[in-house]
Amino acid sequence: MAYTEEQLTALESALAKGEKRVTFGDKTVEYRTVEELKEAIALVERSLHDQAVGTGLWPRAPRQIRINTRKGF
């Protein structure tokens, strides 16, 4: 599912206020615990990061190239 920055902002705002109910447009979600809300925030952040990497807006992890040399005869 594609998440938006507005959804992430709404989740973080609810967490900051101590609420467990979040409204996205016309939908309302009520989380049972704060831990569930934190897990939802982490899921949305991962999804947004993956979307950014997929579109090229965020670079992937740099590759490492290791070269071993020896002076030999």
N, C-alpha and C. Protein backbone atom coordinates (compact mmCIF):
# COMPACT_ATOMS: atom_id res chain seq x y z
N MET A 1 0.84 -1.17 0.00
CA MET A 1 0.00 0.00 0.00
C MET A 1 0.89 1.24 0.00
N ALA A 2 0.51 2.22 -0.74
CA ALA A 2 1.27 3.46 -0.82
C ALA A 2 0.79 4.42 0.27
N TYR A 3 1.71 4.82 1.12
CA TYR A 3 1.40 5.75 2.20
C TYR A 3 1.85 7.14 1.80
N THR A 4 1.32 8.14 2.49
CA THR A 4 1.67 9.53 2.19
C THR A 4 2.29 10.18 3.43
N GLU A 5 2.94 11.29 3.21
CA GLU A 5 3.53 12.06 4.31
C GLU A 5 2.45 12.56 5.27
N GLU A 6 1.26 12.86 4.73
CA GLU A 6 0.16 13.33 5.58
C GLU A 6 -0.26 12.25 6.57
N GLN A 7 -0.27 11.00 6.12
CA GLN A 7 -0.63 9.91 7.01
C GLN A 7 0.42 9.75 8.11
N LEU A 8 1.68 9.86 7.74
CA LEU A 8 2.75 9.77 8.74
C LEU A 8 2.63 10.92 9.74
N THR A 9 2.35 12.11 9.27
CA THR A 9 2.19 13.26 10.15
C THR A 9 1.03 13.06 11.10
N ALA A 10 -0.07 12.52 10.61
CA ALA A 10 -1.24 12.28 11.46
C ALA A 10 -0.93 11.25 12.53
N LEU A 11 -0.20 10.19 12.18
CA LEU A 11 0.17 9.17 13.16
C LEU A 11 1.09 9.76 14.23
N GLU A 12 2.09 10.51 13.80
CA GLU A 12 3.02 11.10 14.76
C GLU A 12 2.33 12.13 15.66
N SER A 13 1.38 12.87 15.09
CA SER A 13 0.64 13.84 15.88
C SER A 13 -0.21 13.15 16.94
N ALA A 14 -0.85 12.06 16.57
CA ALA A 14 -1.66 11.31 17.54
C ALA A 14 -0.79 10.76 18.66
N LEU A 15 0.39 10.27 18.31
CA LEU A 15 1.31 9.75 19.33
C LEU A 15 1.76 10.86 20.27
N ALA A 16 2.06 12.02 19.73
CA ALA A 16 2.51 13.15 20.55
C ALA A 16 1.41 13.62 21.50
N LYS A 17 0.16 13.54 21.06
CA LYS A 17 -0.96 13.98 21.89
C LYS A 17 -1.42 12.90 22.87
N GLY A 18 -0.92 11.68 22.70
CA GLY A 18 -1.34 10.59 23.57
C GLY A 18 -2.64 9.95 23.15
N GLU A 19 -3.07 10.21 21.94
CA GLU A 19 -4.32 9.64 21.42
C GLU A 19 -4.04 8.31 20.75
N LYS A 20 -5.06 7.47 20.69
CA LYS A 20 -4.93 6.20 19.99
C LYS A 20 -5.85 6.14 18.78
N ARG A 21 -6.54 7.22 18.49
CA ARG A 21 -7.44 7.28 17.35
C ARG A 21 -6.87 8.25 16.31
N VAL A 22 -6.77 7.77 15.06
CA VAL A 22 -6.19 8.57 13.99
C VAL A 22 -7.19 8.63 12.84
N THR A 23 -7.35 9.82 12.25
CA THR A 23 -8.27 10.00 11.13
C THR A 23 -7.48 10.37 9.89
N PHE A 24 -7.70 9.62 8.80
CA PHE A 24 -7.12 9.90 7.49
C PHE A 24 -8.27 10.20 6.54
N GLY A 25 -8.49 11.46 6.27
CA GLY A 25 -9.59 11.82 5.38
C GLY A 25 -10.92 11.39 5.98
N ASP A 26 -11.57 10.40 5.36
CA ASP A 26 -12.87 9.93 5.84
C ASP A 26 -12.77 8.64 6.65
N LYS A 27 -11.56 8.12 6.86
CA LYS A 27 -11.39 6.88 7.61
C LYS A 27 -10.78 7.16 8.97
N THR A 28 -11.25 6.43 9.97
CA THR A 28 -10.73 6.55 11.32
C THR A 28 -10.25 5.19 11.79
N VAL A 29 -9.06 5.18 12.37
CA VAL A 29 -8.48 3.95 12.90
C VAL A 29 -8.18 4.17 14.37
N GLU A 30 -8.58 3.19 15.20
CA GLU A 30 -8.28 3.27 16.62
C GLU A 30 -7.35 2.12 16.98
N TYR A 31 -6.20 2.45 17.53
CA TYR A 31 -5.21 1.46 17.91
C TYR A 31 -5.45 1.05 19.35
N ARG A 32 -5.18 -0.22 19.66
CA ARG A 32 -5.42 -0.73 21.01
C ARG A 32 -4.37 -0.24 22.00
N THR A 33 -3.12 -0.16 21.54
CA THR A 33 -2.04 0.25 22.44
C THR A 33 -1.15 1.28 21.75
N VAL A 34 -0.33 1.92 22.54
CA VAL A 34 0.63 2.88 22.01
C VAL A 34 1.68 2.14 21.17
N GLU A 35 2.01 0.91 21.58
CA GLU A 35 2.98 0.11 20.83
C GLU A 35 2.49 -0.17 19.41
N GLU A 36 1.19 -0.45 19.27
CA GLU A 36 0.63 -0.65 17.93
C GLU A 36 0.75 0.62 17.10
N LEU A 37 0.53 1.75 17.71
CA LEU A 37 0.66 3.03 17.01
C LEU A 37 2.10 3.25 16.58
N LYS A 38 3.05 2.92 17.46
CA LYS A 38 4.47 3.06 17.11
C LYS A 38 4.85 2.11 15.97
N GLU A 39 4.30 0.90 15.98
CA GLU A 39 4.55 -0.05 14.90
C GLU A 39 3.99 0.46 13.58
N ALA A 40 2.82 1.09 13.63
CA ALA A 40 2.22 1.66 12.42
C ALA A 40 3.10 2.79 11.88
N ILE A 41 3.64 3.61 12.76
CA ILE A 41 4.52 4.69 12.34
C ILE A 41 5.77 4.11 11.67
N ALA A 42 6.34 3.08 12.27
CA ALA A 42 7.53 2.45 11.69
C ALA A 42 7.22 1.85 10.32
N LEU A 43 6.06 1.23 10.19
CA LEU A 43 5.65 0.64 8.91
C LEU A 43 5.52 1.72 7.83
N VAL A 44 4.89 2.82 8.17
CA VAL A 44 4.71 3.90 7.20
C VAL A 44 6.06 4.51 6.83
N GLU A 45 6.95 4.70 7.82
CA GLU A 45 8.28 5.25 7.52
C GLU A 45 9.06 4.33 6.60
N ARG A 46 9.01 3.01 6.85
CA ARG A 46 9.71 2.06 5.97
C ARG A 46 9.13 2.10 4.57
N SER A 47 7.82 2.16 4.48
CA SER A 47 7.17 2.19 3.18
C SER A 47 7.53 3.45 2.40
N LEU A 48 7.53 4.59 3.08
CA LEU A 48 7.91 5.85 2.42
C LEU A 48 9.36 5.80 1.97
N HIS A 49 10.23 5.22 2.78
CA HIS A 49 11.64 5.10 2.39
C HIS A 49 11.78 4.19 1.17
N ASP A 50 11.08 3.06 1.18
CA ASP A 50 11.14 2.14 0.04
C ASP A 50 10.61 2.80 -1.23
N GLN A 51 9.55 3.60 -1.10
CA GLN A 51 9.01 4.32 -2.25
C GLN A 51 10.04 5.31 -2.79
N ALA A 52 10.71 6.01 -1.89
CA ALA A 52 11.72 7.00 -2.30
C ALA A 52 12.89 6.32 -2.99
N VAL A 53 13.32 5.18 -2.46
CA VAL A 53 14.43 4.44 -3.09
C VAL A 53 13.99 3.93 -4.46
N GLY A 54 12.76 3.44 -4.55
CA GLY A 54 12.26 2.92 -5.82
C GLY A 54 12.15 3.97 -6.91
N THR A 55 11.86 5.20 -6.55
CA THR A 55 11.74 6.26 -7.53
C THR A 55 13.05 6.99 -7.78
N GLY A 56 14.09 6.64 -6.99
CA GLY A 56 15.38 7.29 -7.18
C GLY A 56 15.54 8.58 -6.41
N LEU A 57 14.57 8.92 -5.56
CA LEU A 57 14.67 10.14 -4.77
C LEU A 57 15.63 9.99 -3.59
N TRP A 58 15.86 8.77 -3.17
CA TRP A 58 16.76 8.51 -2.05
C TRP A 58 17.77 7.49 -2.52
N PRO A 59 19.03 7.76 -2.37
CA PRO A 59 20.03 6.81 -2.87
C PRO A 59 20.07 5.55 -2.02
N ARG A 60 20.42 4.49 -2.68
CA ARG A 60 20.58 3.22 -1.95
C ARG A 60 21.89 3.26 -1.18
N ALA A 61 22.09 2.26 -0.38
CA ALA A 61 23.32 2.17 0.38
C ALA A 61 24.50 2.08 -0.58
N PRO A 62 25.58 2.76 -0.29
CA PRO A 62 26.73 2.71 -1.19
C PRO A 62 27.35 1.31 -1.22
N ARG A 63 27.84 0.96 -2.38
CA ARG A 63 28.52 -0.32 -2.52
C ARG A 63 29.95 -0.18 -2.04
N GLN A 64 30.46 -1.25 -1.52
CA GLN A 64 31.84 -1.24 -1.06
C GLN A 64 32.66 -2.10 -2.01
N ILE A 65 33.75 -1.55 -2.44
CA ILE A 65 34.68 -2.29 -3.29
C ILE A 65 36.00 -2.37 -2.53
N ARG A 66 36.44 -3.57 -2.30
CA ARG A 66 37.70 -3.75 -1.56
C ARG A 66 38.72 -4.34 -2.51
N ILE A 67 39.87 -3.74 -2.48
CA ILE A 67 40.97 -4.20 -3.33
C ILE A 67 42.13 -4.60 -2.43
N ASN A 68 42.56 -5.81 -2.58
CA ASN A 68 43.72 -6.31 -1.84
C ASN A 68 44.86 -6.50 -2.82
N THR A 69 45.99 -5.93 -2.49
CA THR A 69 47.16 -6.07 -3.36
C THR A 69 48.35 -6.51 -2.53
N ARG A 70 49.29 -7.14 -3.20
CA ARG A 70 50.54 -7.54 -2.58
C ARG A 70 51.67 -7.24 -3.53
N LYS A 71 52.72 -6.81 -2.96
CA LYS A 71 53.90 -6.62 -3.77
C LYS A 71 54.60 -7.98 -3.84
N GLY A 72 54.66 -8.52 -4.98
CA GLY A 72 55.23 -9.84 -5.09
C GLY A 72 56.25 -9.95 -6.22
N PHE A 73 57.07 -10.96 -6.14
CA PHE A 73 58.07 -11.21 -7.17
C PHE A 73 57.77 -12.47 -7.88
